[in-house]
Amino acid sequence: VPIRRLAPVFAVTEYATVPLPVPEAPEVIVIQLSLLFAVHAQVDAVVTLTLPLSAEDETDLLFGLIE
């Protein structure tokens, strides 16, 4: 039965992901030379800013038998 051994472990890096604000709608949008105006938010494609957080706590090490 394989047994895990203690080995150097790297700290965990967490990332906080927060969506950026939706841009303001323009005053007029012309589509295919029509007289209709379209203003709506595009929620399917969101730009996010991802920043790494520092690992302050030690990593928990679990060792023993591998099942």
Protein backbone atom coordinates (compact mmCIF):
# COMPACT_ATOMS: atom_id res chain seq x y z
CA VAL A 1 0.00 0.00 0.00
CA PRO A 2 1.52 3.36 -1.01
CA ILE A 3 2.10 5.78 1.84
CA ARG A 4 2.38 9.53 1.42
CA ARG A 5 5.46 11.16 2.83
CA LEU A 6 5.96 14.68 4.07
CA ALA A 7 7.31 16.91 1.34
CA PRO A 8 7.79 20.65 0.92
CA VAL A 9 4.48 22.25 0.03
CA PHE A 10 3.86 25.56 -1.67
CA ALA A 11 1.42 28.07 -0.21
CA VAL A 12 -2.02 28.29 -1.75
CA THR A 13 -2.63 31.23 -4.07
CA GLU A 14 -6.22 32.46 -4.16
CA TYR A 15 -7.66 34.80 -6.77
CA ALA A 16 -10.45 37.30 -6.16
CA THR A 17 -12.50 37.72 -9.33
CA VAL A 18 -14.83 40.70 -9.53
CA PRO A 19 -16.76 41.78 -12.65
CA LEU A 20 -16.03 45.26 -13.93
CA PRO A 21 -18.95 47.70 -14.17
CA VAL A 22 -21.14 47.60 -17.29
CA PRO A 23 -20.39 50.59 -19.55
CA GLU A 24 -23.01 53.29 -19.97
CA ALA A 25 -25.31 52.92 -22.97
CA PRO A 26 -24.66 55.34 -25.84
CA GLU A 27 -27.30 57.91 -26.71
CA VAL A 28 -28.10 56.37 -30.11
CA ILE A 29 -27.35 53.04 -31.78
CA VAL A 30 -28.34 52.69 -35.43
CA ILE A 31 -28.76 49.14 -36.73
CA GLN A 32 -28.70 48.45 -40.49
CA LEU A 33 -29.78 51.95 -41.41
CA SER A 34 -33.16 51.55 -39.68
CA LEU A 35 -34.92 54.12 -37.54
CA LEU A 36 -35.09 51.76 -34.55
CA PHE A 37 -32.76 52.19 -31.60
CA ALA A 38 -31.32 49.34 -29.55
CA VAL A 39 -29.89 49.79 -26.07
CA HIS A 40 -29.29 46.75 -23.89
CA ALA A 41 -26.58 45.33 -21.65
CA GLN A 42 -24.52 42.37 -22.82
CA VAL A 43 -24.35 40.07 -19.79
CA ASP A 44 -22.92 37.00 -21.57
CA ALA A 45 -19.46 38.53 -22.05
CA VAL A 46 -18.27 40.05 -18.79
CA VAL A 47 -14.78 41.49 -18.37
CA THR A 48 -13.28 40.55 -15.03
CA LEU A 49 -10.23 41.72 -13.16
CA THR A 50 -8.30 38.96 -11.38
CA LEU A 51 -5.75 39.79 -8.70
CA PRO A 52 -3.79 37.22 -6.67
CA LEU A 53 -4.12 37.31 -2.89
CA SER A 54 -1.18 36.54 -0.65
CA ALA A 55 -1.21 33.28 1.28
CA GLU A 56 -1.02 34.29 4.93
CA ASP A 57 -1.84 31.00 6.63
CA GLU A 58 0.11 27.78 6.44
CA THR A 59 -1.17 24.97 4.25
CA ASP A 60 -2.76 22.02 6.05
CA LEU A 61 -0.86 18.82 5.31
CA LEU A 62 -2.79 15.58 5.21
CA PHE A 63 -0.74 12.41 5.17
CA GLY A 64 -1.35 8.73 5.65
CA LEU A 65 -2.60 5.83 3.59
CA ILE A 66 -3.88 6.41 0.07
CA GLU A 67 -7.21 4.71 -0.48
